[in-house]
């Protein structure tokens, strides 16, 4: 047991190193966000270099998402007794190894394996990272600390993904994964040097947490989350070939369009958080309506370069504005399962990512690239339908 002097010292270190410690978590989130999304902009390059079809290359995204969906809860349960800082370091080492293999993968099978290895770190990193971020600050600063860590994902969409796409298009897609591995190394050293050793909480009962996690209402909302993400990834996975082959953009223009998409994501996150604080369920349902409309419009505007770019910006804002509300709703429903609550939404979301990329590949094979937006709209409409049913039932039973 730590002495009062040690605990006091730990708190002092925590306060002193608070900004840098959080920055190391943000860098880790940035690297993970970059490795998840950068391959969308490099899909044509990867497909050509590995001599596979676009739809086959898209399954690399499916495999990553499935790795997150399955790996996050399993890894959380297996490692929940490890000290949090040690676990975070092990996750970043695994992340670096996975991206290193990706950079040197000689064929499609090796790259697929590397993507799965990398994916195992995703959900657990954000779950543990959120707990550590909250533990670094006073109780009234916890939400802000977690948001600073999660800002790494937003920054990855604005800067990391376009930069990685630019590097991949000019130096080869392998160089992009090499750059991501370097970002992982920087995050690892930051975690080692600046994250203090926090008091380990008593290990919780996994059986009780699993029981709380399989509540029907929670599973219902996890399904809504998965359907929403499948709508996003059915289209976004293949955004580069759509922009090049349908809209007529040159390869280098895709980088700047992804920057604009990232700006939309940032604005959407801010607006979505405020809407969720105002009216949670009405905002979720309203945003799904907007997504359905925008994707339906995109079916036509994708053939017009300027209108396509405007639609992509608005669609990115809408698609990510719904995530804060869904996260709040799922976390509130899973509050009895603290060890798994922070990973359940990541698992459901990435299951949706996997399904979306898979569905998108099937659509391309049988219907063509131009059919992706309206298929995405149908998936969003499915999430909207389920969300509406839940909201109506809640109001019927007088649940606020």
Protein backbone atom coordinates (compact mmCIF):
# COMPACT_ATOMS: atom_id res chain seq x y z
CA UNK A 1 0.00 0.00 0.00
CA UNK A 2 1.26 3.48 -0.87
CA UNK A 3 2.18 5.75 2.01
CA UNK A 4 0.47 9.15 2.38
CA UNK A 5 3.74 10.79 1.27
CA UNK A 6 3.84 8.70 -1.95
CA UNK A 7 0.18 9.42 -2.72
CA UNK A 8 0.81 13.12 -2.13
CA UNK A 9 3.84 12.99 -4.41
CA UNK A 10 1.85 11.24 -7.11
CA UNK A 11 -0.83 13.92 -6.94
CA UNK A 12 1.79 16.63 -7.14
CA UNK A 13 3.38 15.00 -10.17
CA UNK A 14 -0.08 14.59 -11.69
CA UNK A 15 -0.83 18.28 -11.34
CA UNK A 16 2.63 19.37 -12.47
CA UNK A 17 2.68 17.19 -15.56
CA UNK A 18 -1.00 17.43 -16.39
CA UNK A 19 -0.68 19.22 -19.77
CA UNK A 20 2.22 17.07 -21.07
CA UNK A 21 0.73 13.84 -19.74
CA UNK A 22 -2.53 14.55 -21.55
CA UNK A 23 -0.61 15.50 -24.66
CA UNK A 24 0.99 12.05 -24.76
CA UNK A 25 -2.48 10.49 -24.69
CA UNK A 26 -3.61 12.89 -27.43
CA UNK A 27 -0.66 11.84 -29.60
CA UNK A 28 -1.62 8.20 -29.08
CA UNK A 29 -5.23 8.95 -30.05
CA UNK A 30 -3.94 10.86 -33.07
CA UNK A 31 -1.84 7.91 -34.24
CA UNK A 32 -4.71 5.45 -33.78
CA UNK A 33 -7.13 7.73 -35.62
CA UNK A 34 -4.63 8.13 -38.43
CA UNK A 35 -4.08 4.40 -38.88
CA UNK A 36 -7.83 3.79 -38.93
CA UNK A 37 -8.75 6.41 -41.51
CA UNK A 38 -5.67 7.00 -43.69
CA UNK A 39 -6.20 3.86 -45.76
CA UNK A 40 -9.41 5.34 -47.23
CA UNK A 41 -7.36 7.91 -49.15
CA UNK A 42 -4.81 5.28 -50.20
CA UNK A 43 -7.20 2.53 -51.28
CA UNK A 44 -6.49 2.86 -55.03
CA UNK A 45 -2.72 2.86 -54.38
CA UNK A 46 -2.87 -0.21 -52.12
CA UNK A 47 -5.13 -2.07 -54.56
CA UNK A 48 -2.84 -1.36 -57.50
CA UNK A 49 0.39 -2.19 -55.66
CA UNK A 50 -0.90 -5.46 -54.20
CA UNK A 51 -2.74 -6.38 -57.41
CA UNK A 52 -6.19 -6.69 -55.83
CA UNK A 53 -9.54 -5.07 -56.60
CA UNK A 54 -10.82 -1.94 -54.86
CA UNK A 55 -13.47 -3.98 -53.07
CA UNK A 56 -10.83 -6.47 -51.87
CA UNK A 57 -8.65 -3.63 -50.61
CA UNK A 58 -11.71 -2.28 -48.79
CA UNK A 59 -11.81 -5.48 -46.75
CA UNK A 60 -8.61 -4.29 -45.05
CA UNK A 61 -10.86 -1.70 -43.42
CA UNK A 62 -13.40 -4.39 -42.59
CA UNK A 63 -10.71 -6.51 -40.93
CA UNK A 64 -9.47 -3.57 -38.86
CA UNK A 65 -12.96 -2.71 -37.71
CA UNK A 66 -13.71 -6.33 -36.78
CA UNK A 67 -10.44 -6.45 -34.85
CA UNK A 68 -11.60 -3.46 -32.81
CA UNK A 69 -15.12 -4.78 -32.36
CA UNK A 70 -14.01 -8.20 -31.12
CA UNK A 71 -10.64 -7.33 -29.63
CA UNK A 72 -11.67 -4.37 -27.44
CA UNK A 73 -13.98 -6.16 -24.98
CA UNK A 74 -11.85 -9.34 -24.92
CA UNK A 75 -8.62 -7.41 -24.31
CA UNK A 76 -10.34 -5.31 -21.65
CA UNK A 77 -11.45 -8.41 -19.77
CA UNK A 78 -8.07 -10.15 -20.07
CA UNK A 79 -5.99 -7.16 -18.99
CA UNK A 80 -8.26 -5.46 -16.43
CA UNK A 81 -5.94 -6.46 -13.55
CA UNK A 82 -2.81 -4.90 -15.11
CA UNK A 83 -1.62 -1.48 -13.91
CA UNK A 84 -3.09 1.10 -16.27
CA UNK A 85 0.16 2.76 -17.27
CA UNK A 86 1.79 -0.60 -18.03
CA UNK A 87 -1.23 -1.64 -20.09
CA UNK A 88 -1.12 1.60 -22.06
CA UNK A 89 2.57 1.03 -22.85
CA UNK A 90 1.93 -2.56 -23.97
CA UNK A 91 -0.90 -1.39 -26.22
CA UNK A 92 1.30 1.22 -27.89
CA UNK A 93 4.08 -1.35 -28.44
CA UNK A 94 1.55 -3.64 -30.14
CA UNK A 95 0.36 -0.67 -32.19
CA UNK A 96 3.90 0.14 -33.33
CA UNK A 97 4.56 -3.50 -34.27
CA UNK A 98 1.32 -3.71 -36.27
CA UNK A 99 2.07 -0.57 -38.27
CA UNK A 100 5.68 -1.64 -38.76
CA UNK A 101 4.48 -4.90 -40.31
CA UNK A 102 2.06 -2.91 -42.48
CA UNK A 103 4.92 -0.76 -43.78
CA UNK A 104 6.88 -3.82 -44.93
CA UNK A 105 4.00 -6.18 -45.77
CA UNK A 106 5.01 -8.06 -48.95
CA UNK A 107 1.48 -9.05 -49.92
CA UNK A 108 -2.23 -8.66 -49.18
CA UNK A 109 -2.34 -11.45 -46.57
CA UNK A 110 0.50 -9.91 -44.52
CA UNK A 111 -1.12 -6.49 -44.65
CA UNK A 112 -4.46 -7.97 -43.55
CA UNK A 113 -2.75 -9.65 -40.57
CA UNK A 114 -0.95 -6.43 -39.65
CA UNK A 115 -4.20 -4.47 -39.73
CA UNK A 116 -5.84 -6.95 -37.36
CA UNK A 117 -2.88 -6.77 -34.94
CA UNK A 118 -3.04 -2.97 -34.96
CA UNK A 119 -6.80 -3.00 -34.43
CA UNK A 120 -6.51 -4.92 -31.16
CA UNK A 121 -5.10 -1.82 -29.48
CA UNK A 122 -7.81 0.62 -30.58
CA UNK A 123 -10.79 0.24 -28.23
CA UNK A 124 -8.79 -0.69 -25.13
CA UNK A 125 -6.44 2.28 -25.59
CA UNK A 126 -9.34 4.72 -25.59
CA UNK A 127 -11.01 2.95 -22.68
CA UNK A 128 -7.89 2.94 -20.49
CA UNK A 129 -6.75 6.33 -21.78
CA UNK A 130 -10.07 7.91 -20.77
CA UNK A 131 -9.73 6.50 -17.25
CA UNK A 132 -6.14 7.76 -16.94
CA UNK A 133 -7.02 11.19 -18.36
CA UNK A 134 -9.83 11.55 -15.82
CA UNK A 135 -7.49 10.45 -13.02
CA UNK A 136 -4.92 13.12 -13.87
CA UNK A 137 -7.14 16.03 -12.91
CA UNK A 138 -9.59 17.26 -10.30
CA UNK A 139 -13.13 15.79 -10.46
CA UNK A 140 -14.54 18.98 -11.96
CA UNK A 141 -12.01 18.79 -14.84
CA UNK A 142 -12.51 15.16 -15.86
CA UNK A 143 -14.71 15.76 -18.89
CA UNK A 144 -12.31 18.35 -20.23
CA UNK A 145 -9.34 16.03 -19.76
CA UNK A 146 -11.05 13.20 -21.63
CA UNK A 147 -12.06 15.56 -24.43
CA UNK A 148 -8.43 16.68 -24.80
CA UNK A 149 -7.37 13.06 -25.28
CA UNK A 150 -10.21 12.40 -27.75
CA UNK A 151 -9.21 15.53 -29.68
CA UNK A 152 -6.44 13.38 -31.13
CA UNK A 153 -9.06 11.67 -33.32
CA UNK A 154 -10.33 14.99 -34.62
CA UNK A 155 -6.82 16.27 -35.31
CA UNK A 156 -6.09 13.00 -37.11
CA UNK A 157 -8.96 13.69 -39.50
CA UNK A 158 -7.91 17.29 -40.15
CA UNK A 159 -4.13 16.88 -40.35
CA UNK A 160 -3.05 13.24 -40.00
CA UNK A 161 -5.21 11.59 -42.67
CA UNK A 162 -4.57 14.21 -45.37
CA UNK A 163 -0.85 14.21 -44.51
CA UNK A 164 -0.73 10.42 -44.58
CA UNK A 165 -2.59 10.40 -47.89
CA UNK A 166 -0.15 12.95 -49.34
CA UNK A 167 2.85 10.93 -48.15
CA UNK A 168 1.36 7.70 -49.50
CA UNK A 169 0.62 9.19 -52.90
CA UNK A 170 4.11 10.63 -53.30
CA UNK A 171 6.33 8.16 -51.43
CA UNK A 172 4.23 5.00 -51.55
CA UNK A 173 1.48 3.85 -49.21
CA UNK A 174 4.00 1.96 -47.06
CA UNK A 175 5.61 5.27 -46.06
CA UNK A 176 2.28 6.35 -44.54
CA UNK A 177 2.26 3.39 -42.17
CA UNK A 178 5.92 4.05 -41.37
CA UNK A 179 4.99 7.61 -40.36
CA UNK A 180 2.16 6.27 -38.19
CA UNK A 181 4.56 3.87 -36.45
CA UNK A 182 6.85 6.84 -35.69
CA UNK A 183 3.89 8.70 -34.18
CA UNK A 184 3.26 5.60 -32.04
CA UNK A 185 6.88 5.65 -30.82
CA UNK A 186 6.54 9.31 -29.83
CA UNK A 187 3.33 8.53 -27.95
CA UNK A 188 4.99 5.57 -26.19
CA UNK A 189 7.90 7.68 -24.94
CA UNK A 190 5.46 10.37 -23.82
CA UNK A 191 3.46 7.81 -21.84
CA UNK A 192 6.61 6.36 -20.23
CA UNK A 193 8.04 9.75 -19.30
CA UNK A 194 5.02 11.82 -18.35
CA UNK A 195 2.12 9.61 -17.28
CA UNK A 196 2.40 9.19 -13.49
CA UNK A 197 1.76 5.90 -11.73
CA UNK A 198 -1.86 6.11 -10.65
CA UNK A 199 -3.42 4.12 -7.87
CA UNK A 200 -4.82 0.86 -9.23
CA UNK A 201 -8.50 0.45 -8.54
CA UNK A 202 -9.73 -2.83 -7.10
CA UNK A 203 -10.48 -5.33 -9.88
CA UNK A 204 -14.19 -5.46 -10.57
CA UNK A 205 -16.36 -8.52 -11.04
CA UNK A 206 -16.37 -9.29 -14.78
CA UNK A 207 -19.42 -11.52 -14.46
CA UNK A 208 -21.48 -8.66 -13.04
CA UNK A 209 -20.22 -6.28 -15.72
CA UNK A 210 -21.08 -8.69 -18.50
CA UNK A 211 -24.55 -9.12 -17.04
CA UNK A 212 -25.04 -5.37 -17.05
CA UNK A 213 -23.67 -5.11 -20.59
CA UNK A 214 -26.19 -7.51 -22.11
CA UNK A 215 -29.25 -5.52 -21.07
CA UNK A 216 -31.68 -5.50 -24.04
CA UNK A 217 -31.99 -1.71 -24.15
CA UNK A 218 -28.22 -1.24 -24.19
CA UNK A 219 -27.80 -3.84 -26.93
CA UNK A 220 -30.54 -2.07 -28.89
CA UNK A 221 -28.59 1.19 -28.82
CA UNK A 222 -25.34 -0.57 -29.67
CA UNK A 223 -27.15 -1.88 -32.76
CA UNK A 224 -28.26 1.68 -33.62
CA UNK A 225 -24.63 2.81 -33.26
CA UNK A 226 -23.45 -0.03 -35.52
CA UNK A 227 -26.01 0.80 -38.21
CA UNK A 228 -25.07 4.48 -38.14
CA UNK A 229 -21.38 3.67 -38.56
CA UNK A 230 -22.11 1.18 -41.33
CA UNK A 231 -23.83 4.03 -43.20
CA UNK A 232 -20.70 6.18 -42.82
CA UNK A 233 -18.18 3.51 -43.80
CA UNK A 234 -20.17 2.08 -46.71
CA UNK A 235 -19.45 5.40 -48.42
CA UNK A 236 -16.34 6.84 -46.75
CA UNK A 237 -14.30 3.66 -47.26
CA UNK A 238 -14.46 4.20 -51.01
CA UNK A 239 -14.39 8.01 -51.05
CA UNK A 240 -11.07 8.19 -52.94
CA UNK A 241 -12.14 6.06 -55.95
CA UNK A 242 -15.52 7.85 -55.98
CA UNK A 243 -13.89 11.27 -56.14
CA UNK A 244 -11.41 10.18 -58.81
CA UNK A 245 -13.58 7.99 -61.01
CA UNK A 246 -16.99 9.70 -60.70
CA UNK A 247 -16.37 13.31 -59.66
CA UNK A 248 -13.29 13.54 -61.87
CA UNK A 249 -10.82 14.86 -59.30
CA UNK A 250 -7.09 14.31 -59.71
CA UNK A 251 -5.36 12.12 -57.13
CA UNK A 252 -3.67 15.05 -55.36
CA UNK A 253 -7.02 16.83 -54.92
CA UNK A 254 -8.30 14.01 -52.71
CA UNK A 255 -5.89 15.12 -49.96
CA UNK A 256 -7.46 18.58 -49.74
CA UNK A 257 -10.98 17.23 -49.88
CA UNK A 258 -10.12 15.00 -46.90
CA UNK A 259 -8.87 18.12 -45.08
CA UNK A 260 -12.25 19.73 -45.71
CA UNK A 261 -13.99 16.56 -44.53
CA UNK A 262 -11.90 16.71 -41.35
CA UNK A 263 -12.98 20.31 -40.77
CA UNK A 264 -16.57 19.16 -41.10
CA UNK A 265 -15.88 16.41 -38.58
CA UNK A 266 -14.49 18.95 -36.09
CA UNK A 267 -17.44 21.31 -36.44
CA UNK A 268 -19.85 18.38 -36.23
CA UNK A 269 -18.29 17.14 -32.98
CA UNK A 270 -18.70 20.56 -31.36
CA UNK A 271 -22.28 21.05 -32.55
CA UNK A 272 -23.24 17.46 -31.77
CA UNK A 273 -22.00 17.73 -28.19
CA UNK A 274 -24.03 20.87 -27.57
CA UNK A 275 -27.14 19.40 -29.18
CA UNK A 276 -26.79 16.26 -27.04
CA UNK A 277 -26.60 18.39 -23.88
CA UNK A 278 -29.71 20.28 -25.02
CA UNK A 279 -32.04 17.47 -26.18
CA UNK A 280 -30.38 14.06 -26.32
CA UNK A 281 -32.75 11.77 -28.23
CA UNK A 282 -34.39 14.45 -30.40
CA UNK A 283 -30.92 15.58 -31.53
CA UNK A 284 -29.86 11.99 -32.34
CA UNK A 285 -32.97 11.38 -34.42
CA UNK A 286 -32.78 14.78 -36.10
CA UNK A 287 -29.15 14.24 -37.11
CA UNK A 288 -29.98 10.84 -38.60
CA UNK A 289 -32.65 12.54 -40.71
CA UNK A 290 -30.03 15.02 -41.94
CA UNK A 291 -27.60 12.19 -42.77
CA UNK A 292 -30.28 10.36 -44.78
CA UNK A 293 -31.06 13.52 -46.75
CA UNK A 294 -27.41 14.39 -47.41
CA UNK A 295 -26.50 10.90 -48.63
CA UNK A 296 -29.54 10.86 -50.90
CA UNK A 297 -28.44 14.23 -52.31
CA UNK A 298 -24.86 12.91 -52.66
CA UNK A 299 -26.17 10.27 -55.08
CA UNK A 300 -26.67 13.14 -57.54
CA UNK A 301 -24.05 15.70 -56.48
CA UNK A 302 -21.18 13.19 -56.63
CA UNK A 303 -21.19 13.74 -60.41
CA UNK A 304 -20.68 17.51 -59.96
CA UNK A 305 -17.22 18.32 -58.47
CA UNK A 306 -18.11 21.52 -56.58
CA UNK A 307 -21.43 20.19 -55.27
CA UNK A 308 -19.72 16.92 -54.33
CA UNK A 309 -17.19 18.76 -52.14
CA UNK A 310 -19.92 20.80 -50.41
CA UNK A 311 -21.97 17.66 -49.76
CA UNK A 312 -18.95 15.81 -48.37
CA UNK A 313 -18.24 18.65 -45.93
CA UNK A 314 -21.84 18.72 -44.67
CA UNK A 315 -22.06 14.92 -44.55
CA UNK A 316 -18.83 14.71 -42.52
CA UNK A 317 -20.20 17.25 -40.04
CA UNK A 318 -23.51 15.41 -39.71
CA UNK A 319 -22.00 11.93 -39.47
CA UNK A 320 -19.69 12.85 -36.60
CA UNK A 321 -22.09 15.21 -34.82
CA UNK A 322 -24.20 12.21 -33.85
CA UNK A 323 -21.35 10.44 -32.07
CA UNK A 324 -21.24 12.49 -28.82
CA UNK A 325 -24.96 11.89 -28.26
CA UNK A 326 -24.69 8.17 -28.94
CA UNK A 327 -21.67 7.93 -26.66
CA UNK A 328 -23.54 9.66 -23.83
CA UNK A 329 -26.59 7.46 -24.28
CA UNK A 330 -24.63 4.21 -24.36
CA UNK A 331 -22.45 5.19 -21.41
CA UNK A 332 -25.51 6.08 -19.35
CA UNK A 333 -27.13 2.74 -20.13
CA UNK A 334 -23.89 0.87 -19.31
CA UNK A 335 -23.04 2.74 -16.10
CA UNK A 336 -23.20 -0.50 -14.09
CA UNK A 337 -20.36 -1.92 -16.20
CA UNK A 338 -17.51 0.58 -15.80
CA UNK A 339 -14.71 -1.64 -17.14
CA UNK A 340 -16.56 -2.40 -20.38
CA UNK A 341 -18.71 0.69 -20.84
CA UNK A 342 -15.98 2.78 -22.46
CA UNK A 343 -15.18 0.02 -24.97
CA UNK A 344 -18.70 -1.17 -25.83
CA UNK A 345 -19.52 1.80 -28.04
CA UNK A 346 -16.14 1.48 -29.80
CA UNK A 347 -16.83 -2.19 -30.42
CA UNK A 348 -20.33 -1.54 -31.76
CA UNK A 349 -19.15 1.36 -33.88
CA UNK A 350 -16.33 -0.62 -35.42
CA UNK A 351 -18.59 -3.58 -36.04
CA UNK A 352 -20.63 -1.09 -38.05
CA UNK A 353 -17.44 0.10 -39.77
CA UNK A 354 -16.65 -3.47 -40.78
CA UNK A 355 -20.16 -4.15 -42.04
CA UNK A 356 -20.23 -0.84 -43.91
CA UNK A 357 -16.94 -1.49 -45.71
CA UNK A 358 -18.07 -5.04 -46.52
CA UNK A 359 -21.47 -3.90 -47.80
CA UNK A 360 -19.79 -1.16 -49.81
CA UNK A 361 -17.56 -3.73 -51.49
CA UNK A 362 -20.57 -5.84 -52.45
CA UNK A 363 -22.38 -2.77 -53.80
CA UNK A 364 -19.39 -1.82 -55.95
CA UNK A 365 -19.13 -5.35 -57.35
CA UNK A 366 -22.82 -5.68 -58.24
CA UNK A 367 -24.16 -2.12 -58.60
CA UNK A 368 -21.14 0.15 -59.04
CA UNK A 369 -19.59 3.08 -57.15
CA UNK A 370 -22.48 5.44 -57.93
CA UNK A 371 -24.86 3.32 -55.82
CA UNK A 372 -22.90 3.75 -52.58
CA UNK A 373 -24.54 7.01 -51.36
CA UNK A 374 -28.15 5.80 -51.54
CA UNK A 375 -27.21 2.48 -49.93
CA UNK A 376 -25.59 4.50 -47.12
CA UNK A 377 -28.81 6.51 -46.83
CA UNK A 378 -30.81 3.28 -46.39
CA UNK A 379 -28.48 2.14 -43.60
CA UNK A 380 -28.84 5.51 -41.84
CA UNK A 381 -32.61 5.23 -42.25
CA UNK A 382 -32.48 1.86 -40.48
CA UNK A 383 -30.68 3.46 -37.51
CA UNK A 384 -33.24 6.28 -37.55
CA UNK A 385 -36.12 3.79 -37.49
CA UNK A 386 -34.74 1.87 -34.50
CA UNK A 387 -33.94 5.10 -32.67
CA UNK A 388 -37.47 6.37 -33.26
CA UNK A 389 -38.96 3.15 -31.91
CA UNK A 390 -36.83 3.42 -28.75
CA UNK A 391 -37.77 7.09 -28.27
CA UNK A 392 -41.49 6.41 -28.73
CA UNK A 393 -41.39 3.51 -26.26
CA UNK A 394 -39.49 5.63 -23.72
CA UNK A 395 -42.02 8.43 -23.96
CA UNK A 396 -44.87 5.95 -23.72
CA UNK A 397 -43.47 4.63 -20.45
CA UNK A 398 -42.69 8.13 -19.16
CA UNK A 399 -38.88 7.86 -19.28
CA UNK A 400 -37.19 11.24 -19.46
